[in-house]
Amino acid sequence: MDISHRLLLLLDVTEQGSFTNVADKKNVDRSVISKQISRLEDELGVRLLNRTTRSLSLTAAGNEMVNQAKQLRDLLNNTHRLAQNYHSEPRGILRITSSTMFGRQYVQEAISAFQKQYPEVSCELRLEDKVVDIVQEGFDIGFRIGKPKNSSLVSRKIARSRLLIVASPAFIQQHGTIETIEKLEALPATVYSAPGLHIDKFTYLDDKGREQHFQLNAAYKVNDVEMVVKSALAGNTLAVVTAQMIENEVLDGKLIPIMTHLNIEDFGSFYAVYPHRDAPIKTKLFIDALKSIVGEDIPVWERNIPNFEHLYGRKSS
């Protein structure tokens, strides 16, 4: 390991917060990381980290070296990225992060098709529902749902994400027809809830086009979107879901769209994010491959909901 690699290792330690976290990430022993940082200090002739049994902190010199390491990482990343655009065929590693359900349903299928067409590209996929710092963790693409946040990342829309309200036939039989906001808010509901994210309030337009909100009566909170659908299927609650979460449940009559006269605001969209506008060709080609699977205008998952283009305030697709 040369000095440049050790500088990047120092950057990893500061961003991950400890030798142990970096060791776990790289699947090596903690002592290996500690030894390499000590060698870097010997090579530079200055102390870079103040170490205690419980914490690490940068010295003044260490802070300067971390700034240099960030510039080095950017330089190396840009060098690789620019070089890849001169390849006749995409190659190298494509690192992807995605929300879990979308990744299982569509990103995996896109990877299979992409690697058949471009066998020189190896792929890594991480599925998790929390937002990942794709720059810090070295991902080429991230797939997210909602509304793009203001950031330095480039975003590209993949498909719209429309909402619907569903309940099982047994739930409707027990509680009767659900036609008013008051009744909707009073009945038990399942909602998605995770640390820092609680989705129980939704926007709709009233008859005069004014923005209004309704809030679900959360009888069950769960941090897995697939469980939201399964809970509604069980018949104890209703749920607000995205069309992408629906497979054959509506077609099979196991879930019924309710309050279809309500003009509900879309849940943003599915979109790709990546660090640079002049992204490597492999990044652009993979997004194209995914869009060909999802659909250009009407996303493929909306086919699972009969007449969906005319429900929830939509008069056409």
C-alpha atoms as a PDB file:
ATOM      1  CA  MET A   1       0.000   0.000   0.000  1.00  0.00           C
ATOM      2  CA  ASP A   2       1.506   3.356  -1.063  1.00  0.00           C
ATOM      3  CA  ILE A   3       0.997   6.801   0.429  1.00  0.00           C
ATOM      4  CA  SER A   4      -1.953   7.635  -1.829  1.00  0.00           C
ATOM      5  CA  HIS A   5      -3.839   4.528  -0.682  1.00  0.00           C
ATOM      6  CA  ARG A   6      -3.058   5.355   2.927  1.00  0.00           C
ATOM      7  CA  LEU A   7      -4.377   8.893   2.463  1.00  0.00           C
ATOM      8  CA  LEU A   8      -7.616   7.459   1.097  1.00  0.00           C
ATOM      9  CA  LEU A   9      -7.713   5.078   4.055  1.00  0.00           C
ATOM     10  CA  LEU A  10      -7.390   8.055   6.424  1.00  0.00           C
ATOM     11  CA  LEU A  11     -10.349   9.628   4.613  1.00  0.00           C
ATOM     12  CA  ASP A  12     -12.337   6.423   5.100  1.00  0.00           C
ATOM     13  CA  VAL A  13     -11.551   6.418   8.829  1.00  0.00           C
ATOM     14  CA  THR A  14     -12.734  10.002   9.279  1.00  0.00           C
ATOM     15  CA  GLU A  15     -15.913   9.442   7.263  1.00  0.00           C
ATOM     16  CA  GLN A  16     -16.762   6.096   8.865  1.00  0.00           C
ATOM     17  CA  GLY A  17     -15.888   7.281  12.368  1.00  0.00           C
ATOM     18  CA  SER A  18     -13.606   4.484  13.546  1.00  0.00           C
ATOM     19  CA  PHE A  19     -11.005   1.893  12.573  1.00  0.00           C
ATOM     20  CA  THR A  20     -13.546  -0.822  13.335  1.00  0.00           C
ATOM     21  CA  ASN A  21     -16.143   0.500  10.896  1.00  0.00           C
ATOM     22  CA  VAL A  22     -13.579   0.721   8.097  1.00  0.00           C
ATOM     23  CA  ALA A  23     -12.270  -2.745   8.904  1.00  0.00           C
ATOM     24  CA  ASP A  24     -15.788  -4.173   8.722  1.00  0.00           C
ATOM     25  CA  LYS A  25     -16.402  -2.420   5.401  1.00  0.00           C
ATOM     26  CA  LYS A  26     -13.169  -3.784   3.922  1.00  0.00           C
ATOM     27  CA  ASN A  27     -13.476  -7.172   5.641  1.00  0.00           C
ATOM     28  CA  VAL A  28     -10.052  -6.974   7.312  1.00  0.00           C
ATOM     29  CA  ASP A  29      -8.861  -6.949  10.899  1.00  0.00           C
ATOM     30  CA  ARG A  30      -8.972  -3.642  12.775  1.00  0.00           C
ATOM     31  CA  SER A  31      -5.235  -3.859  13.459  1.00  0.00           C
ATOM     32  CA  VAL A  32      -4.537  -3.699   9.713  1.00  0.00           C
ATOM     33  CA  ILE A  33      -6.238  -0.314   9.473  1.00  0.00           C
ATOM     34  CA  SER A  34      -4.507   1.028  12.573  1.00  0.00           C
ATOM     35  CA  LYS A  35      -1.111  -0.135  11.306  1.00  0.00           C
ATOM     36  CA  GLN A  36      -1.548   1.558   7.917  1.00  0.00           C
ATOM     37  CA  ILE A  37      -2.541   4.875   9.524  1.00  0.00           C
ATOM     38  CA  SER A  38       0.514   4.655  11.800  1.00  0.00           C
ATOM     39  CA  ARG A  39       2.716   4.074   8.739  1.00  0.00           C
ATOM     40  CA  LEU A  40       1.183   7.131   7.070  1.00  0.00           C
ATOM     41  CA  GLU A  41       2.041   9.217  10.139  1.00  0.00           C
ATOM     42  CA  ASP A  42       5.622   7.889  10.057  1.00  0.00           C
ATOM     43  CA  GLU A  43       5.950   8.671   6.332  1.00  0.00           C
ATOM     44  CA  LEU A  44       4.665  12.220   6.788  1.00  0.00           C
ATOM     45  CA  GLY A  45       6.422  12.779  10.091  1.00  0.00           C
ATOM     46  CA  VAL A  46       3.335  14.242  11.792  1.00  0.00           C
ATOM     47  CA  ARG A  47       0.544  12.964  14.002  1.00  0.00           C
ATOM     48  CA  LEU A  48      -2.747  12.854  12.107  1.00  0.00           C
ATOM     49  CA  LEU A  49      -5.160  11.417  14.670  1.00  0.00           C
ATOM     50  CA  ASN A  50      -5.663  11.866  18.382  1.00  0.00           C
ATOM     51  CA  ARG A  51      -6.604   8.418  19.650  1.00  0.00           C
ATOM     52  CA  THR A  52      -8.422   7.550  22.862  1.00  0.00           C
ATOM     53  CA  THR A  53     -10.079   4.296  23.865  1.00  0.00           C
ATOM     54  CA  ARG A  54     -13.467   5.702  22.843  1.00  0.00           C
ATOM     55  CA  SER A  55     -12.908   8.189  20.049  1.00  0.00           C
ATOM     56  CA  LEU A  56     -10.725   9.515  17.247  1.00  0.00           C
ATOM     57  CA  SER A  57     -10.214  13.143  16.296  1.00  0.00           C
ATOM     58  CA  LEU A  58      -8.125  14.816  13.639  1.00  0.00           C
ATOM     59  CA  THR A  59      -5.115  16.936  14.505  1.00  0.00           C
ATOM     60  CA  ALA A  60      -4.568  20.159  12.560  1.00  0.00           C
ATOM     61  CA  ALA A  61      -2.205  18.288  10.256  1.00  0.00           C
ATOM     62  CA  GLY A  62      -4.702  15.447   9.954  1.00  0.00           C
ATOM     63  CA  ASN A  63      -7.410  17.848   8.873  1.00  0.00           C
ATOM     64  CA  GLU A  64      -5.130  19.193   6.120  1.00  0.00           C
ATOM     65  CA  MET A  65      -4.319  15.665   4.961  1.00  0.00           C
ATOM     66  CA  VAL A  66      -8.024  14.741   4.836  1.00  0.00           C
ATOM     67  CA  ASN A  67      -8.648  17.748   2.577  1.00  0.00           C
ATOM     68  CA  GLN A  68      -5.850  16.544   0.318  1.00  0.00           C
ATOM     69  CA  ALA A  69      -7.318  13.021   0.360  1.00  0.00           C
ATOM     70  CA  LYS A  70     -10.713  14.343  -0.760  1.00  0.00           C
ATOM     71  CA  GLN A  71      -9.080  16.086  -3.715  1.00  0.00           C
ATOM     72  CA  LEU A  72      -7.177  12.896  -4.514  1.00  0.00           C
ATOM     73  CA  ARG A  73     -10.368  10.826  -4.442  1.00  0.00           C
ATOM     74  CA  ASP A  74     -12.141  13.294  -6.728  1.00  0.00           C
ATOM     75  CA  LEU A  75      -9.185  13.285  -9.122  1.00  0.00           C
ATOM     76  CA  LEU A  76      -9.056   9.486  -9.292  1.00  0.00           C
ATOM     77  CA  ASN A  77     -12.819   9.182  -9.720  1.00  0.00           C
ATOM     78  CA  ASN A  78     -12.853  11.772 -12.494  1.00  0.00           C
ATOM     79  CA  THR A  79      -9.903  10.110 -14.212  1.00  0.00           C
ATOM     80  CA  HIS A  80     -11.654   6.728 -14.275  1.00  0.00           C
ATOM     81  CA  ARG A  81     -14.935   8.304 -15.313  1.00  0.00           C
ATOM     82  CA  LEU A  82     -13.427  10.221 -18.222  1.00  0.00           C
ATOM     83  CA  ALA A  83     -11.440   7.211 -19.405  1.00  0.00           C
ATOM     84  CA  GLN A  84     -14.546   5.015 -19.453  1.00  0.00           C
ATOM     85  CA  ASN A  85     -16.197   7.326 -21.992  1.00  0.00           C
ATOM     86  CA  TYR A  86     -13.455   6.440 -24.488  1.00  0.00           C
ATOM     87  CA  HIS A  87     -14.107   2.698 -24.327  1.00  0.00           C
ATOM     88  CA  SER A  88     -15.872   1.256 -27.348  1.00  0.00           C
ATOM     89  CA  GLU A  89     -17.867  -0.926 -24.948  1.00  0.00           C
ATOM     90  CA  PRO A  90     -18.706  -0.180 -21.289  1.00  0.00           C
ATOM     91  CA  ARG A  91     -16.564  -2.054 -18.796  1.00  0.00           C
ATOM     92  CA  GLY A  92     -15.537  -2.051 -15.162  1.00  0.00           C
ATOM     93  CA  ILE A  93     -17.680  -2.120 -12.016  1.00  0.00           C
ATOM     94  CA  LEU A  94     -21.117  -0.514 -11.841  1.00  0.00           C
ATOM     95  CA  ARG A  95     -22.147   0.051  -8.229  1.00  0.00           C
ATOM     96  CA  ILE A  96     -25.890   0.560  -7.708  1.00  0.00           C
ATOM     97  CA  THR A  97     -28.058   1.323  -4.683  1.00  0.00           C
ATOM     98  CA  SER A  98     -31.849   1.116  -4.659  1.00  0.00           C
ATOM     99  CA  SER A  99     -34.857   0.960  -2.396  1.00  0.00           C
ATOM    100  CA  THR A 100     -35.570  -2.668  -1.577  1.00  0.00           C
ATOM    101  CA  MET A 101     -38.850  -3.369  -3.353  1.00  0.00           C
ATOM    102  CA  PHE A 102     -38.008  -1.427  -6.519  1.00  0.00           C
ATOM    103  CA  GLY A 103     -34.633  -3.154  -6.621  1.00  0.00           C
ATOM    104  CA  ARG A 104     -36.149  -6.612  -6.374  1.00  0.00           C
ATOM    105  CA  GLN A 105     -38.844  -5.884  -8.931  1.00  0.00           C
ATOM    106  CA  TYR A 106     -37.010  -3.959 -11.620  1.00  0.00           C
ATOM    107  CA  VAL A 107     -33.336  -3.158 -10.935  1.00  0.00           C
ATOM    108  CA  GLN A 108     -32.421  -6.843 -10.712  1.00  0.00           C
ATOM    109  CA  GLU A 109     -34.143  -7.533 -14.036  1.00  0.00           C
ATOM    110  CA  ALA A 110     -32.298  -4.602 -15.603  1.00  0.00           C
ATOM    111  CA  ILE A 111     -28.951  -5.903 -14.298  1.00  0.00           C
ATOM    112  CA  SER A 112     -29.569  -9.326 -15.851  1.00  0.00           C
ATOM    113  CA  ALA A 113     -30.428  -7.803 -19.237  1.00  0.00           C
ATOM    114  CA  PHE A 114     -27.576  -5.282 -19.044  1.00  0.00           C
ATOM    115  CA  GLN A 115     -24.899  -7.863 -18.292  1.00  0.00           C
ATOM    116  CA  LYS A 116     -26.044 -10.076 -21.157  1.00  0.00           C
ATOM    117  CA  GLN A 117     -25.524  -7.151 -23.502  1.00  0.00           C
ATOM    118  CA  TYR A 118     -22.369  -5.810 -21.832  1.00  0.00           C
ATOM    119  CA  PRO A 119     -20.471  -8.738 -20.273  1.00  0.00           C
ATOM    120  CA  GLU A 120     -17.409  -6.578 -19.523  1.00  0.00           C
ATOM    121  CA  VAL A 121     -19.374  -4.770 -16.785  1.00  0.00           C
ATOM    122  CA  SER A 122     -19.603  -6.334 -13.340  1.00  0.00           C
ATOM    123  CA  CYS A 123     -22.378  -5.032 -11.080  1.00  0.00           C
ATOM    124  CA  GLU A 124     -22.815  -4.556  -7.354  1.00  0.00           C
ATOM    125  CA  LEU A 125     -26.302  -3.901  -5.943  1.00  0.00           C
ATOM    126  CA  ARG A 126     -27.197  -2.761  -2.428  1.00  0.00           C
ATOM    127  CA  LEU A 127     -30.865  -2.785  -1.426  1.00  0.00           C
ATOM    128  CA  GLU A 128     -31.977  -0.649   1.499  1.00  0.00           C
ATOM    129  CA  ASP A 129     -34.730   1.857   2.125  1.00  0.00           C
ATOM    130  CA  LYS A 130     -32.648   4.558   3.803  1.00  0.00           C
ATOM    131  CA  VAL A 131     -31.041   7.253   1.666  1.00  0.00           C
ATOM    132  CA  VAL A 132     -27.419   6.364   0.910  1.00  0.00           C
ATOM    133  CA  ASP A 133     -24.670   8.949   0.367  1.00  0.00           C
ATOM    134  CA  ILE A 134     -23.686   7.673  -3.062  1.00  0.00           C
ATOM    135  CA  VAL A 135     -20.615   9.915  -3.342  1.00  0.00           C
ATOM    136  CA  GLN A 136     -19.154   9.008   0.023  1.00  0.00           C
ATOM    137  CA  GLU A 137     -19.874   5.316  -0.410  1.00  0.00           C
ATOM    138  CA  GLY A 138     -18.697   5.153  -3.991  1.00  0.00           C
ATOM    139  CA  PHE A 139     -21.909   4.278  -5.851  1.00  0.00           C
ATOM    140  CA  ASP A 140     -22.358   5.105  -9.517  1.00  0.00           C
ATOM    141  CA  ILE A 141     -26.182   5.239  -9.447  1.00  0.00           C
ATOM    142  CA  GLY A 142     -28.890   5.445  -6.812  1.00  0.00           C
ATOM    143  CA  PHE A 143     -32.587   4.789  -7.450  1.00  0.00           C
ATOM    144  CA  ARG A 144     -35.004   6.670  -5.200  1.00  0.00           C
ATOM    145  CA  ILE A 145     -38.697   7.460  -4.900  1.00  0.00           C
ATOM    146  CA  GLY A 146     -40.348  10.765  -4.051  1.00  0.00           C
ATOM    147  CA  LYS A 147     -39.206  14.221  -5.064  1.00  0.00           C
ATOM    148  CA  PRO A 148     -35.540  14.909  -5.881  1.00  0.00           C
ATOM    149  CA  LYS A 149     -33.804  16.848  -3.134  1.00  0.00           C
ATOM    150  CA  ASN A 150     -31.720  19.906  -3.870  1.00  0.00           C
ATOM    151  CA  SER A 151     -28.167  18.597  -4.003  1.00  0.00           C
ATOM    152  CA  SER A 152     -25.069  18.402  -6.160  1.00  0.00           C
ATOM    153  CA  LEU A 153     -26.329  15.098  -7.591  1.00  0.00           C
ATOM    154  CA  VAL A 154     -27.777  14.868 -11.080  1.00  0.00           C
ATOM    155  CA  SER A 155     -31.290  13.393 -11.160  1.00  0.00           C
ATOM    156  CA  ARG A 156     -33.167  11.742 -14.025  1.00  0.00           C
ATOM    157  CA  LYS A 157     -36.803  10.704 -13.865  1.00  0.00           C
ATOM    158  CA  ILE A 158     -37.516   7.019 -14.405  1.00  0.00           C
ATOM    159  CA  ALA A 159     -41.300   6.871 -13.972  1.00  0.00           C
ATOM    160  CA  ARG A 160     -44.180   8.519 -12.155  1.00  0.00           C
ATOM    161  CA  SER A 161     -45.357   7.147  -8.821  1.00  0.00           C
ATOM    162  CA  ARG A 162     -49.126   7.465  -8.396  1.00  0.00           C
ATOM    163  CA  LEU A 163     -51.035   6.727  -5.208  1.00  0.00           C
ATOM    164  CA  LEU A 164     -54.218   4.794  -4.545  1.00  0.00           C
ATOM    165  CA  ILE A 165     -56.184   3.856  -1.435  1.00  0.00           C
ATOM    166  CA  VAL A 166     -56.984   0.176  -1.002  1.00  0.00           C
ATOM    167  CA  ALA A 167     -58.960  -2.079   1.315  1.00  0.00           C
ATOM    168  CA  SER A 168     -59.947  -5.732   1.238  1.00  0.00           C
ATOM    169  CA  PRO A 169     -63.530  -6.867   0.474  1.00  0.00           C
ATOM    170  CA  ALA A 170     -63.797  -8.093   4.083  1.00  0.00           C
ATOM    171  CA  PHE A 171     -62.773  -4.666   5.415  1.00  0.00           C
ATOM    172  CA  ILE A 172     -65.362  -2.920   3.228  1.00  0.00           C
ATOM    173  CA  GLN A 173     -68.048  -5.407   4.247  1.00  0.00           C
ATOM    174  CA  GLN A 174     -67.268  -4.766   7.912  1.00  0.00           C
ATOM    175  CA  HIS A 175     -67.124  -0.952   7.718  1.00  0.00           C
ATOM    176  CA  GLY A 176     -69.421  -0.198   4.783  1.00  0.00           C
ATOM    177  CA  THR A 177     -68.790   2.018   1.770  1.00  0.00           C
ATOM    178  CA  ILE A 178     -66.040   4.577   2.311  1.00  0.00           C
ATOM    179  CA  GLU A 179     -66.862   7.805   0.482  1.00  0.00           C
ATOM    180  CA  THR A 180     -65.882  10.712   2.744  1.00  0.00           C
ATOM    181  CA  ILE A 181     -62.616  12.083   4.110  1.00  0.00           C
ATOM    182  CA  GLU A 182     -64.078  11.951   7.621  1.00  0.00           C
ATOM    183  CA  LYS A 183     -64.732   8.225   7.402  1.00  0.00           C
ATOM    184  CA  LEU A 184     -61.390   7.582   5.713  1.00  0.00           C
ATOM    185  CA  GLU A 185     -59.540   9.326   8.548  1.00  0.00           C
ATOM    186  CA  ALA A 186     -61.540   7.500  11.237  1.00  0.00           C
ATOM    187  CA  LEU A 187     -60.951   3.936  10.052  1.00  0.00           C
ATOM    188  CA  PRO A 188     -57.853   1.940  11.070  1.00  0.00           C
ATOM    189  CA  ALA A 189     -54.961   2.120   8.620  1.00  0.00           C
ATOM    190  CA  THR A 190     -51.502   0.679   8.070  1.00  0.00           C
ATOM    191  CA  VAL A 191     -48.777   3.256   7.412  1.00  0.00           C
ATOM    192  CA  TYR A 192     -45.111   3.105   6.529  1.00  0.00           C
ATOM    193  CA  SER A 193     -42.962   4.354   9.393  1.00  0.00           C
ATOM    194  CA  ALA A 194     -39.189   4.287   9.830  1.00  0.00           C
ATOM    195  CA  PRO A 195     -36.710   6.429  11.790  1.00  0.00           C
ATOM    196  CA  GLY A 196     -37.071   9.956  10.425  1.00  0.00           C
ATOM    197  CA  LEU A 197     -39.901   9.035   8.047  1.00  0.00           C
ATOM    198  CA  HIS A 198     -43.579   8.639   8.960  1.00  0.00           C
ATOM    199  CA  ILE A 199     -45.955   8.573   5.981  1.00  0.00           C
ATOM    200  CA  ASP A 200     -49.503   9.067   7.208  1.00  0.00           C
ATOM    201  CA  LYS A 201     -50.479  12.420   5.653  1.00  0.00           C
ATOM    202  CA  PHE A 202     -51.384  12.872   1.983  1.00  0.00           C
ATOM    203  CA  THR A 203     -52.303  15.761  -0.314  1.00  0.00           C
ATOM    204  CA  TYR A 204     -55.342  16.005  -2.563  1.00  0.00           C
ATOM    205  CA  LEU A 205     -57.202  18.720  -4.484  1.00  0.00           C
ATOM    206  CA  ASP A 206     -60.764  19.579  -3.532  1.00  0.00           C
ATOM    207  CA  ASP A 207     -63.593  20.390  -5.983  1.00  0.00           C
ATOM    208  CA  LYS A 208     -62.315  23.951  -6.327  1.00  0.00           C
ATOM    209  CA  GLY A 209     -58.736  22.859  -7.018  1.00  0.00           C
ATOM    210  CA  ARG A 210     -57.489  23.862  -3.589  1.00  0.00           C
ATOM    211  CA  GLU A 211     -54.807  21.800  -1.898  1.00  0.00           C
ATOM    212  CA  GLN A 212     -56.074  19.814   1.084  1.00  0.00           C
ATOM    213  CA  HIS A 213     -54.722  17.004   3.255  1.00  0.00           C
ATOM    214  CA  PHE A 214     -56.028  13.877   4.908  1.00  0.00           C
ATOM    215  CA  GLN A 215     -54.309  11.969   7.699  1.00  0.00           C
ATOM    216  CA  LEU A 216     -54.670   8.251   8.269  1.00  0.00           C
ATOM    217  CA  ASN A 217     -55.572   6.717  11.613  1.00  0.00           C
ATOM    218  CA  ALA A 218     -52.437   4.621  12.068  1.00  0.00           C
ATOM    219  CA  ALA A 219     -53.462   1.378  13.756  1.00  0.00           C
ATOM    220  CA  TYR A 220     -50.331  -0.366  12.478  1.00  0.00           C
ATOM    221  CA  LYS A 221     -46.935   1.129  11.650  1.00  0.00           C
ATOM    222  CA  VAL A 222     -44.326  -0.890   9.763  1.00  0.00           C
ATOM    223  CA  ASN A 223     -40.987  -0.105   8.094  1.00  0.00           C
ATOM    224  CA  ASP A 224     -41.430  -2.433   5.112  1.00  0.00           C
ATOM    225  CA  VAL A 225     -43.574  -1.383   2.150  1.00  0.00           C
ATOM    226  CA  GLU A 226     -44.461  -4.973   1.273  1.00  0.00           C
ATOM    227  CA  MET A 227     -45.929  -5.404   4.750  1.00  0.00           C
ATOM    228  CA  VAL A 228     -48.208  -2.423   4.151  1.00  0.00           C
ATOM    229  CA  VAL A 229     -49.876  -4.313   1.299  1.00  0.00           C
ATOM    230  CA  LYS A 230     -49.984  -7.588   3.242  1.00  0.00           C
ATOM    231  CA  SER A 231     -51.622  -5.859   6.184  1.00  0.00           C
ATOM    232  CA  ALA A 232     -54.365  -4.470   3.956  1.00  0.00           C
ATOM    233  CA  LEU A 233     -54.846  -7.950   2.470  1.00  0.00           C
ATOM    234  CA  ALA A 234     -55.422  -9.343   5.964  1.00  0.00           C
ATOM    235  CA  GLY A 235     -58.536  -7.170   6.242  1.00  0.00           C
ATOM    236  CA  ASN A 236     -57.851  -5.339   9.496  1.00  0.00           C
ATOM    237  CA  THR A 237     -56.831  -2.014   7.954  1.00  0.00           C
ATOM    238  CA  LEU A 238     -56.958   0.096   4.816  1.00  0.00           C
ATOM    239  CA  ALA A 239     -53.794   1.554   3.290  1.00  0.00           C
ATOM    240  CA  VAL A 240     -52.497   4.217   0.927  1.00  0.00           C
ATOM    241  CA  VAL A 241     -50.007   2.584  -1.448  1.00  0.00           C
ATOM    242  CA  THR A 242     -48.101   3.446  -4.591  1.00  0.00           C
ATOM    243  CA  ALA A 243     -49.182   1.704  -7.785  1.00  0.00           C
ATOM    244  CA  GLN A 244     -45.740   0.068  -7.925  1.00  0.00           C
ATOM    245  CA  MET A 245     -46.507  -1.783  -4.664  1.00  0.00           C
ATOM    246  CA  ILE A 246     -49.487  -3.534  -6.270  1.00  0.00           C
ATOM    247  CA  GLU A 247     -48.935  -6.810  -8.112  1.00  0.00           C
ATOM    248  CA  ASN A 248     -52.039  -8.935  -8.811  1.00  0.00           C
ATOM    249  CA  GLU A 249     -54.009  -8.066  -5.669  1.00  0.00           C
ATOM    250  CA  VAL A 250     -56.450  -5.722  -7.450  1.00  0.00           C
ATOM    251  CA  LEU A 251     -56.753  -7.912 -10.562  1.00  0.00           C
ATOM    252  CA  ASP A 252     -57.576 -10.896  -8.315  1.00  0.00           C
ATOM    253  CA  GLY A 253     -60.157  -8.920  -6.310  1.00  0.00           C
ATOM    254  CA  LYS A 254     -58.204  -9.252  -3.069  1.00  0.00           C
ATOM    255  CA  LEU A 255     -57.839  -5.472  -2.745  1.00  0.00           C
ATOM    256  CA  ILE A 256     -60.267  -2.827  -3.972  1.00  0.00           C
ATOM    257  CA  PRO A 257     -59.370   0.794  -4.783  1.00  0.00           C
ATOM    258  CA  ILE A 258     -61.554   3.084  -2.655  1.00  0.00           C
ATOM    259  CA  MET A 259     -62.221   6.840  -2.630  1.00  0.00           C
ATOM    260  CA  THR A 260     -61.418   6.813  -6.354  1.00  0.00           C
ATOM    261  CA  HIS A 261     -63.108  10.198  -6.838  1.00  0.00           C
ATOM    262  CA  LEU A 262     -60.360  11.825  -4.762  1.00  0.00           C
ATOM    263  CA  ASN A 263     -57.769  13.786  -6.734  1.00  0.00           C
ATOM    264  CA  ILE A 264     -54.657  12.558  -4.931  1.00  0.00           C
ATOM    265  CA  GLU A 265     -51.274  14.134  -5.580  1.00  0.00           C
ATOM    266  CA  ASP A 266     -48.626  11.806  -7.002  1.00  0.00           C
ATOM    267  CA  PHE A 267     -45.994  10.454  -4.624  1.00  0.00           C
ATOM    268  CA  GLY A 268     -43.272  12.162  -6.644  1.00  0.00           C
ATOM    269  CA  SER A 269     -41.530   9.793  -9.045  1.00  0.00           C
ATOM    270  CA  PHE A 270     -38.910   7.104  -9.291  1.00  0.00           C
ATOM    271  CA  TYR A 271     -35.670   8.736 -10.307  1.00  0.00           C
ATOM    272  CA  ALA A 272     -32.006   7.952 -10.751  1.00  0.00           C
ATOM    273  CA  VAL A 273     -29.278  10.045  -9.134  1.00  0.00           C
ATOM    274  CA  TYR A 274     -25.607  10.060 -10.036  1.00  0.00           C
ATOM    275  CA  PRO A 275     -22.659  12.312  -9.193  1.00  0.00           C
ATOM    276  CA  HIS A 276     -21.735  13.859 -12.562  1.00  0.00           C
ATOM    277  CA  ARG A 277     -23.643  15.258 -15.523  1.00  0.00           C
ATOM    278  CA  ASP A 278     -21.050  13.740 -17.857  1.00  0.00           C
ATOM    279  CA  ALA A 279     -21.513  10.315 -16.270  1.00  0.00           C
ATOM    280  CA  PRO A 280     -19.695   7.250 -17.680  1.00  0.00           C
ATOM    281  CA  ILE A 281     -21.399   5.579 -20.611  1.00  0.00           C
ATOM    282  CA  LYS A 282     -22.115   2.478 -18.484  1.00  0.00           C
ATOM    283  CA  THR A 283     -24.225   4.622 -16.134  1.00  0.00           C
ATOM    284  CA  LYS A 284     -26.270   6.144 -18.942  1.00  0.00           C
ATOM    285  CA  LEU A 285     -26.756   2.793 -20.689  1.00  0.00           C
ATOM    286  CA  PHE A 286     -27.916   1.125 -17.486  1.00  0.00           C
ATOM    287  CA  ILE A 287     -30.530   3.812 -16.876  1.00  0.00           C
ATOM    288  CA  ASP A 288     -31.743   3.320 -20.456  1.00  0.00           C
ATOM    289  CA  ALA A 289     -31.963  -0.440 -19.833  1.00  0.00           C
ATOM    290  CA  LEU A 290     -34.045   0.109 -16.705  1.00  0.00           C
ATOM    291  CA  LYS A 291     -36.383   2.562 -18.446  1.00  0.00           C
ATOM    292  CA  SER A 292     -36.982   0.045 -21.227  1.00  0.00           C
ATOM    293  CA  ILE A 293     -38.221  -2.420 -18.582  1.00  0.00           C
ATOM    294  CA  VAL A 294     -40.262   0.078 -16.554  1.00  0.00           C
ATOM    295  CA  GLY A 295     -41.813   1.830 -19.576  1.00  0.00           C
ATOM    296  CA  GLU A 296     -41.341   5.281 -21.063  1.00  0.00           C
ATOM    297  CA  ASP A 297     -44.694   7.002 -20.454  1.00  0.00           C
ATOM    298  CA  ILE A 298     -47.041   4.748 -18.477  1.00  0.00           C
ATOM    299  CA  PRO A 299     -45.058   2.580 -16.039  1.00  0.00           C
ATOM    300  CA  VAL A 300     -45.580  -1.147 -16.366  1.00  0.00           C
ATOM    301  CA  TRP A 301     -46.930  -1.547 -12.819  1.00  0.00           C
ATOM    302  CA  GLU A 302     -50.023   0.565 -13.590  1.00  0.00           C
ATOM    303  CA  ARG A 303     -51.273  -2.258 -15.821  1.00  0.00           C
ATOM    304  CA  ASN A 304     -52.081  -4.165 -12.631  1.00  0.00           C
ATOM    305  CA  ILE A 305     -54.847  -1.672 -11.758  1.00  0.00           C
ATOM    306  CA  PRO A 306     -57.800  -1.739 -14.198  1.00  0.00           C
ATOM    307  CA  ASN A 307     -58.936   1.676 -15.446  1.00  0.00           C
ATOM    308  CA  PHE A 308     -56.274   3.346 -13.330  1.00  0.00           C
ATOM    309  CA  GLU A 309     -55.766   6.131 -15.869  1.00  0.00           C
ATOM    310  CA  HIS A 310     -59.274   7.400 -15.018  1.00  0.00           C
ATOM    311  CA  LEU A 311     -59.088   7.052 -11.213  1.00  0.00           C
ATOM    312  CA  TYR A 312     -58.003   9.500  -8.522  1.00  0.00           C
ATOM    313  CA  GLY A 313     -58.467  12.695 -10.481  1.00  0.00           C
ATOM    314  CA  ARG A 314     -56.979  11.444 -13.743  1.00  0.00           C
ATOM    315  CA  LYS A 315     -59.010  11.841 -16.930  1.00  0.00           C
ATOM    316  CA  SER A 316     -56.345  10.422 -19.204  1.00  0.00           C
ATOM    317  CA  SER A 317     -52.873   8.945 -19.016  1.00  0.00           C
END
